[in-house]
Amino acid sequence: MNNEQHQARIDAEQDAETDISKILWVVVGFFTNIIGLLIAYIYQPNPPATRLFEKSHEYTMFYTEAYHAKARSIQLTYAAIGFAIGAGIGILFFITSMAMIGSISKMPY
């Protein structure tokens, strides 16, 4: 890997880290469950064109590839966190509901 490729990868990963809204992907994972994870995997945001202005074709190619990879990684990670939070709340709600139903059915009339 030459210096230009290495610099493109570093720049792209730093930019994706700041560009991708982590809170948004937690919310997507929380409310859309498995579909949210699929969306996070499929959707690929493009870097702003202004960042690639007057850059070489090689730099642009490596930057875009690294940006997509890092963005997908961030999106999947935070959508999975949202999914896990939602699933945990759902399981707690189910357990609580079953406990309440069980205690109501054991009440003498």
N, C-alpha and C. Protein backbone atom coordinates (compact mmCIF):
# COMPACT_ATOMS: atom_id res chain seq x y z
N MET A 1 0.85 -1.17 0.00
CA MET A 1 0.00 0.00 0.00
C MET A 1 0.90 1.24 0.00
N ASN A 2 0.71 2.09 -0.99
CA ASN A 2 1.55 3.28 -1.04
C ASN A 2 1.02 4.37 -0.11
N ASN A 3 1.74 5.45 -0.01
CA ASN A 3 1.40 6.52 0.92
C ASN A 3 0.05 7.15 0.60
N GLU A 4 -0.25 7.34 -0.69
CA GLU A 4 -1.52 7.96 -1.08
C GLU A 4 -2.70 7.08 -0.69
N GLN A 5 -2.57 5.77 -0.88
CA GLN A 5 -3.63 4.84 -0.49
C GLN A 5 -3.83 4.85 1.02
N HIS A 6 -2.74 4.83 1.73
CA HIS A 6 -2.79 4.85 3.19
C HIS A 6 -3.44 6.13 3.71
N GLN A 7 -3.06 7.26 3.13
CA GLN A 7 -3.63 8.55 3.56
C GLN A 7 -5.12 8.62 3.22
N ALA A 8 -5.50 8.10 2.06
CA ALA A 8 -6.92 8.08 1.66
C ALA A 8 -7.73 7.26 2.66
N ARG A 9 -7.22 6.11 3.07
CA ARG A 9 -7.93 5.26 4.03
C ARG A 9 -8.06 5.96 5.38
N ILE A 10 -7.00 6.56 5.86
CA ILE A 10 -7.05 7.27 7.15
C ILE A 10 -8.06 8.42 7.09
N ASP A 11 -7.98 9.22 6.04
CA ASP A 11 -8.90 10.35 5.89
C ASP A 11 -10.35 9.88 5.83
N ALA A 12 -10.60 8.85 5.04
CA ALA A 12 -11.96 8.34 4.87
C ALA A 12 -12.53 7.81 6.18
N GLU A 13 -11.73 7.06 6.92
CA GLU A 13 -12.22 6.49 8.17
C GLU A 13 -12.50 7.58 9.21
N GLN A 14 -11.65 8.59 9.27
CA GLN A 14 -11.90 9.70 10.20
C GLN A 14 -13.15 10.47 9.79
N ASP A 15 -13.31 10.72 8.50
CA ASP A 15 -14.47 11.46 8.03
C ASP A 15 -15.76 10.68 8.25
N ALA A 16 -15.75 9.39 7.99
CA ALA A 16 -16.94 8.57 8.21
C ALA A 16 -17.30 8.55 9.69
N GLU A 17 -16.29 8.49 10.54
CA GLU A 17 -16.51 8.49 11.99
C GLU A 17 -17.25 9.76 12.43
N THR A 18 -16.92 10.89 11.84
CA THR A 18 -17.57 12.15 12.23
C THR A 18 -18.89 12.38 11.48
N ASP A 19 -19.01 11.83 10.26
CA ASP A 19 -20.21 12.07 9.45
C ASP A 19 -21.41 11.22 9.85
N ILE A 20 -21.18 9.99 10.23
CA ILE A 20 -22.27 9.05 10.48
C ILE A 20 -22.88 9.32 11.85
N SER A 21 -24.20 9.51 11.86
CA SER A 21 -24.92 9.78 13.10
C SER A 21 -25.16 8.47 13.86
N LYS A 22 -24.48 8.31 14.95
CA LYS A 22 -24.59 7.09 15.73
C LYS A 22 -25.96 6.99 16.40
N ILE A 23 -26.46 8.11 16.89
CA ILE A 23 -27.77 8.12 17.54
C ILE A 23 -28.86 7.73 16.55
N LEU A 24 -28.77 8.22 15.33
CA LEU A 24 -29.75 7.86 14.30
C LEU A 24 -29.80 6.35 14.10
N TRP A 25 -28.64 5.70 14.04
CA TRP A 25 -28.61 4.26 13.78
C TRP A 25 -29.05 3.46 15.00
N VAL A 26 -28.85 3.97 16.21
CA VAL A 26 -29.40 3.31 17.39
C VAL A 26 -30.92 3.35 17.32
N VAL A 27 -31.46 4.51 16.95
CA VAL A 27 -32.92 4.66 16.83
C VAL A 27 -33.47 3.75 15.73
N VAL A 28 -32.79 3.69 14.60
CA VAL A 28 -33.22 2.82 13.50
C VAL A 28 -33.24 1.37 13.98
N GLY A 29 -32.20 0.92 14.65
CA GLY A 29 -32.15 -0.45 15.14
C GLY A 29 -33.21 -0.73 16.19
N PHE A 30 -33.48 0.25 17.04
CA PHE A 30 -34.47 0.09 18.11
C PHE A 30 -35.88 -0.07 17.54
N PHE A 31 -36.24 0.80 16.60
CA PHE A 31 -37.62 0.82 16.11
C PHE A 31 -37.89 -0.12 14.94
N THR A 32 -36.87 -0.49 14.19
CA THR A 32 -37.13 -1.33 13.01
C THR A 32 -36.60 -2.74 13.14
N ASN A 33 -35.98 -3.06 14.26
CA ASN A 33 -35.51 -4.41 14.57
C ASN A 33 -34.61 -4.98 13.48
N ILE A 34 -34.92 -6.17 13.01
CA ILE A 34 -34.07 -6.85 12.02
C ILE A 34 -34.01 -6.05 10.71
N ILE A 35 -35.10 -5.41 10.34
CA ILE A 35 -35.13 -4.59 9.12
C ILE A 35 -34.10 -3.48 9.23
N GLY A 36 -33.95 -2.90 10.41
CA GLY A 36 -32.96 -1.85 10.63
C GLY A 36 -31.54 -2.33 10.41
N LEU A 37 -31.26 -3.56 10.82
CA LEU A 37 -29.93 -4.12 10.58
C LEU A 37 -29.69 -4.31 9.09
N LEU A 38 -30.73 -4.74 8.39
CA LEU A 38 -30.62 -4.91 6.94
C LEU A 38 -30.41 -3.56 6.24
N ILE A 39 -31.15 -2.56 6.68
CA ILE A 39 -30.99 -1.21 6.12
C ILE A 39 -29.56 -0.70 6.38
N ALA A 40 -29.07 -0.90 7.58
CA ALA A 40 -27.72 -0.45 7.93
C ALA A 40 -26.67 -1.13 7.06
N TYR A 41 -26.91 -2.38 6.70
CA TYR A 41 -25.96 -3.11 5.87
C TYR A 41 -26.02 -2.66 4.41
N ILE A 42 -27.23 -2.41 3.92
CA ILE A 42 -27.41 -2.08 2.49
C ILE A 42 -27.08 -0.62 2.19
N TYR A 43 -27.53 0.29 3.03
CA TYR A 43 -27.38 1.72 2.75
C TYR A 43 -25.90 2.14 2.82
N GLN A 44 -25.45 2.81 1.76
CA GLN A 44 -24.07 3.30 1.72
C GLN A 44 -24.07 4.80 1.44
N PRO A 45 -23.83 5.58 2.49
CA PRO A 45 -23.76 7.03 2.25
C PRO A 45 -22.50 7.38 1.46
N ASN A 46 -22.64 8.34 0.60
CA ASN A 46 -21.49 8.80 -0.18
C ASN A 46 -20.82 9.97 0.51
N PRO A 47 -19.51 10.02 0.44
CA PRO A 47 -18.82 11.17 1.05
C PRO A 47 -19.13 12.44 0.25
N PRO A 48 -19.10 13.58 0.90
CA PRO A 48 -19.32 14.83 0.17
C PRO A 48 -18.29 15.01 -0.94
N ALA A 49 -18.75 15.42 -2.09
CA ALA A 49 -17.87 15.58 -3.25
C ALA A 49 -16.79 16.64 -3.02
N THR A 50 -17.07 17.59 -2.16
CA THR A 50 -16.10 18.66 -1.91
C THR A 50 -14.80 18.12 -1.29
N ARG A 51 -14.90 17.00 -0.59
CA ARG A 51 -13.69 16.42 0.01
C ARG A 51 -12.77 15.81 -1.04
N LEU A 52 -13.32 15.47 -2.18
CA LEU A 52 -12.54 14.79 -3.21
C LEU A 52 -12.15 15.72 -4.35
N PHE A 53 -12.50 16.98 -4.21
CA PHE A 53 -12.19 17.97 -5.23
C PHE A 53 -10.67 18.11 -5.37
N GLU A 54 -10.20 18.04 -6.59
CA GLU A 54 -8.78 18.16 -6.94
C GLU A 54 -7.90 17.05 -6.33
N LYS A 55 -8.49 15.89 -6.08
CA LYS A 55 -7.73 14.74 -5.62
C LYS A 55 -7.52 13.81 -6.82
N SER A 56 -6.51 12.99 -6.74
CA SER A 56 -6.23 12.07 -7.85
C SER A 56 -7.31 10.99 -7.92
N HIS A 57 -7.38 10.35 -9.07
CA HIS A 57 -8.36 9.28 -9.27
C HIS A 57 -8.10 8.14 -8.28
N GLU A 58 -6.85 7.80 -8.06
CA GLU A 58 -6.49 6.73 -7.14
C GLU A 58 -6.91 7.07 -5.72
N TYR A 59 -6.63 8.29 -5.29
CA TYR A 59 -7.01 8.73 -3.94
C TYR A 59 -8.53 8.66 -3.79
N THR A 60 -9.25 9.17 -4.79
CA THR A 60 -10.72 9.18 -4.75
C THR A 60 -11.27 7.77 -4.65
N MET A 61 -10.70 6.85 -5.42
CA MET A 61 -11.17 5.47 -5.43
C MET A 61 -10.96 4.82 -4.05
N PHE A 62 -9.76 4.95 -3.49
CA PHE A 62 -9.47 4.35 -2.20
C PHE A 62 -10.23 5.04 -1.07
N TYR A 63 -10.38 6.34 -1.16
CA TYR A 63 -11.12 7.09 -0.15
C TYR A 63 -12.58 6.63 -0.12
N THR A 64 -13.21 6.55 -1.29
CA THR A 64 -14.61 6.16 -1.37
C THR A 64 -14.82 4.74 -0.86
N GLU A 65 -13.94 3.84 -1.22
CA GLU A 65 -14.05 2.45 -0.77
C GLU A 65 -13.91 2.36 0.75
N ALA A 66 -12.93 3.04 1.29
CA ALA A 66 -12.71 3.02 2.75
C ALA A 66 -13.85 3.71 3.48
N TYR A 67 -14.39 4.79 2.92
CA TYR A 67 -15.50 5.52 3.53
C TYR A 67 -16.73 4.62 3.61
N HIS A 68 -17.04 3.93 2.52
CA HIS A 68 -18.19 3.02 2.52
C HIS A 68 -18.02 1.91 3.55
N ALA A 69 -16.85 1.34 3.62
CA ALA A 69 -16.60 0.23 4.56
C ALA A 69 -16.74 0.70 6.01
N LYS A 70 -16.16 1.84 6.33
CA LYS A 70 -16.22 2.35 7.70
C LYS A 70 -17.65 2.77 8.05
N ALA A 71 -18.34 3.42 7.11
CA ALA A 71 -19.71 3.84 7.35
C ALA A 71 -20.61 2.63 7.61
N ARG A 72 -20.45 1.58 6.81
CA ARG A 72 -21.25 0.37 7.00
C ARG A 72 -20.96 -0.24 8.38
N SER A 73 -19.71 -0.27 8.76
CA SER A 73 -19.34 -0.83 10.06
C SER A 73 -19.99 -0.05 11.20
N ILE A 74 -19.93 1.26 11.13
CA ILE A 74 -20.52 2.11 12.16
C ILE A 74 -22.03 1.92 12.19
N GLN A 75 -22.66 1.95 11.02
CA GLN A 75 -24.11 1.80 10.94
C GLN A 75 -24.57 0.47 11.52
N LEU A 76 -23.89 -0.61 11.15
CA LEU A 76 -24.26 -1.93 11.66
C LEU A 76 -24.07 -2.04 13.16
N THR A 77 -22.97 -1.51 13.65
CA THR A 77 -22.69 -1.58 15.09
C THR A 77 -23.77 -0.87 15.89
N TYR A 78 -24.10 0.34 15.50
CA TYR A 78 -25.06 1.12 16.28
C TYR A 78 -26.50 0.67 16.04
N ALA A 79 -26.83 0.15 14.87
CA ALA A 79 -28.15 -0.44 14.65
C ALA A 79 -28.28 -1.70 15.50
N ALA A 80 -27.21 -2.48 15.63
CA ALA A 80 -27.25 -3.68 16.46
C ALA A 80 -27.43 -3.31 17.94
N ILE A 81 -26.81 -2.22 18.37
CA ILE A 81 -26.99 -1.75 19.75
C ILE A 81 -28.45 -1.37 19.97
N GLY A 82 -29.04 -0.64 19.03
CA GLY A 82 -30.45 -0.27 19.13
C GLY A 82 -31.35 -1.49 19.13
N PHE A 83 -31.04 -2.45 18.28
CA PHE A 83 -31.81 -3.70 18.23
C PHE A 83 -31.72 -4.43 19.56
N ALA A 84 -30.53 -4.52 20.14
CA ALA A 84 -30.35 -5.21 21.41
C ALA A 84 -31.11 -4.51 22.53
N ILE A 85 -31.11 -3.21 22.53
CA ILE A 85 -31.86 -2.46 23.55
C ILE A 85 -33.35 -2.75 23.39
N GLY A 86 -33.84 -2.67 22.15
CA GLY A 86 -35.26 -2.95 21.89
C GLY A 86 -35.64 -4.37 22.26
N ALA A 87 -34.80 -5.33 21.91
CA ALA A 87 -35.08 -6.72 22.24
C ALA A 87 -35.07 -6.93 23.75
N GLY A 88 -34.12 -6.30 24.44
CA GLY A 88 -34.06 -6.42 25.89
C GLY A 88 -35.31 -5.85 26.56
N ILE A 89 -35.76 -4.71 26.09
CA ILE A 89 -36.98 -4.10 26.64
C ILE A 89 -38.18 -4.99 26.34
N GLY A 90 -38.22 -5.54 25.13
CA GLY A 90 -39.32 -6.44 24.76
C GLY A 90 -39.37 -7.68 25.64
N ILE A 91 -38.20 -8.25 25.90
CA ILE A 91 -38.14 -9.45 26.76
C ILE A 91 -38.56 -9.10 28.18
N LEU A 92 -38.09 -7.97 28.70
CA LEU A 92 -38.50 -7.55 30.04
C LEU A 92 -40.01 -7.31 30.11
N PHE A 93 -40.56 -6.70 29.08
CA PHE A 93 -42.01 -6.46 29.04
C PHE A 93 -42.77 -7.78 29.03
N PHE A 94 -42.28 -8.74 28.24
CA PHE A 94 -42.93 -10.05 28.15
C PHE A 94 -42.88 -10.76 29.51
N ILE A 95 -41.72 -10.77 30.14
CA ILE A 95 -41.58 -11.43 31.44
C ILE A 95 -42.47 -10.77 32.48
N THR A 96 -42.50 -9.44 32.49
CA THR A 96 -43.34 -8.71 33.42
C THR A 96 -44.81 -9.02 33.18
N SER A 97 -45.21 -9.06 31.93
CA SER A 97 -46.61 -9.37 31.59
C SER A 97 -46.99 -10.77 32.05
N MET A 98 -46.11 -11.73 31.79
CA MET A 98 -46.40 -13.10 32.20
C MET A 98 -46.47 -13.21 33.73
N ALA A 99 -45.62 -12.49 34.43
CA ALA A 99 -45.65 -12.51 35.90
C ALA A 99 -46.94 -11.90 36.41
N MET A 100 -47.38 -10.83 35.79
CA MET A 100 -48.63 -10.19 36.21
C MET A 100 -49.82 -11.10 35.94
N ILE A 101 -49.84 -11.73 34.78
CA ILE A 101 -50.93 -12.66 34.44
C ILE A 101 -50.93 -13.83 35.41
N GLY A 102 -49.75 -14.34 35.74
CA GLY A 102 -49.65 -15.44 36.69
C GLY A 102 -50.13 -15.07 38.07
N SER A 103 -49.80 -13.87 38.50
CA SER A 103 -50.24 -13.46 39.84
C SER A 103 -51.73 -13.16 39.87
N ILE A 104 -52.28 -12.67 38.79
CA ILE A 104 -53.72 -12.40 38.72
C ILE A 104 -54.50 -13.71 38.72
N SER A 105 -54.00 -14.70 38.00
CA SER A 105 -54.73 -15.99 37.92
C SER A 105 -54.70 -16.74 39.24
N LYS A 106 -53.77 -16.44 40.13
CA LYS A 106 -53.69 -17.13 41.42
C LYS A 106 -54.47 -16.41 42.52
N MET A 107 -55.09 -15.30 42.20
CA MET A 107 -55.83 -14.53 43.20
C MET A 107 -57.16 -15.24 43.52
N PRO A 108 -57.51 -15.35 44.80
CA PRO A 108 -58.80 -15.95 45.15
C PRO A 108 -59.92 -14.95 44.86
N TYR A 109 -61.05 -15.47 44.43
CA TYR A 109 -62.19 -14.58 44.14
C TYR A 109 -63.23 -14.70 45.19
